[in-house]
Amino acid sequence: MEYYTYILRSKTTGKYYCGQTNNMYDRILRHNSGRNKYTKHGVPWELISFYKFSTRAEAVSLESKIKKRGIERFLKDLES
């Protein structure tokens, strides 16, 4: 099974959200349907980037690192 860490950006608020999943398609649909309490106010969301892993532990680890660093800062560091 594959696991993903992903970064979304709200088209309405400009805010970012980071999460992890094993079903990217379903997860983004759930975010954009307003079924997630943390992202329901930012609908619609667009996928900015994602990272694929072979274990959930790896995906959770990267999610934690991104959130500790700050999503915008993490993205800027990638551009450098």
Protein backbone atom coordinates (compact mmCIF):
# COMPACT_ATOMS: atom_id res chain seq x y z
CA MET A 1 0.00 0.00 0.00
CA GLU A 2 1.13 3.54 -0.71
CA TYR A 3 0.84 6.45 1.71
CA TYR A 4 0.97 10.15 0.96
CA THR A 5 1.77 13.37 2.74
CA TYR A 6 0.02 16.23 0.96
CA ILE A 7 -0.26 20.00 1.07
CA LEU A 8 -3.44 21.81 0.11
CA ARG A 9 -4.10 25.53 -0.42
CA SER A 10 -7.51 27.11 0.00
CA LYS A 11 -8.63 29.02 -3.08
CA THR A 12 -10.85 31.24 -0.92
CA THR A 13 -8.69 32.01 2.13
CA GLY A 14 -5.17 31.36 0.82
CA LYS A 15 -4.39 29.21 3.88
CA TYR A 16 -2.50 25.93 3.72
CA TYR A 17 -3.28 22.52 5.14
CA CYS A 18 -1.01 19.49 5.47
CA GLY A 19 -2.14 15.92 6.04
CA GLN A 20 -1.44 12.28 5.26
CA THR A 21 -3.56 9.52 3.75
CA ASN A 22 -3.52 6.23 1.89
CA ASN A 23 -6.22 7.37 -0.57
CA MET A 24 -5.39 10.78 -2.03
CA TYR A 25 -8.45 11.02 -4.30
CA ASP A 26 -10.96 10.28 -1.53
CA ARG A 27 -9.19 12.53 0.96
CA ILE A 28 -9.26 15.58 -1.31
CA LEU A 29 -12.93 14.93 -2.11
CA ARG A 30 -13.65 14.86 1.62
CA HIS A 31 -11.81 18.15 2.17
CA ASN A 32 -13.69 19.82 -0.68
CA SER A 33 -17.08 18.49 0.44
CA GLY A 34 -16.72 20.20 3.82
CA ARG A 35 -16.67 16.95 5.81
CA ASN A 36 -13.43 17.81 7.61
CA LYS A 37 -13.86 20.25 10.51
CA TYR A 38 -10.43 21.81 10.01
CA THR A 39 -10.84 22.51 6.30
CA LYS A 40 -14.58 23.06 5.80
CA HIS A 41 -14.20 26.87 5.89
CA GLY A 42 -11.58 26.93 3.13
CA VAL A 43 -13.45 25.09 0.37
CA PRO A 44 -12.41 24.73 -2.41
CA TRP A 45 -8.92 23.33 -1.81
CA GLU A 46 -6.26 22.72 -4.43
CA LEU A 47 -3.46 20.19 -4.20
CA ILE A 48 -0.12 22.02 -4.05
CA SER A 49 2.22 19.06 -3.60
CA PHE A 50 2.37 15.49 -2.36
CA TYR A 51 5.01 12.96 -1.37
CA LYS A 52 4.61 9.19 -1.74
CA PHE A 53 5.87 6.64 0.79
CA SER A 54 5.73 2.88 1.26
CA THR A 55 4.86 3.09 4.98
CA ARG A 56 2.41 5.18 6.98
CA ALA A 57 5.15 5.96 9.51
CA GLU A 58 7.16 7.76 6.83
CA ALA A 59 4.14 9.80 5.75
CA VAL A 60 3.27 10.75 9.33
CA SER A 61 6.89 11.69 10.01
CA LEU A 62 7.04 14.10 7.06
CA GLU A 63 3.64 15.57 7.99
CA SER A 64 4.96 16.27 11.48
CA LYS A 65 8.16 17.88 10.13
CA ILE A 66 6.19 20.11 7.76
CA LYS A 67 3.80 21.25 10.48
CA LYS A 68 6.66 21.98 12.90
CA ARG A 69 8.51 23.97 10.26
CA GLY A 70 5.39 25.76 9.03
CA ILE A 71 3.85 24.89 5.68
CA GLU A 72 4.70 28.14 3.90
CA ARG A 73 8.26 28.05 5.21
CA PHE A 74 8.63 24.41 4.14
CA LEU A 75 7.46 25.30 0.61
CA LYS A 76 9.82 28.30 0.41
CA ASP A 77 12.74 26.11 1.51
CA LEU A 78 11.97 23.75 -1.39
CA GLU A 79 12.21 26.63 -3.86
CA SER A 80 15.68 27.61 -2.60
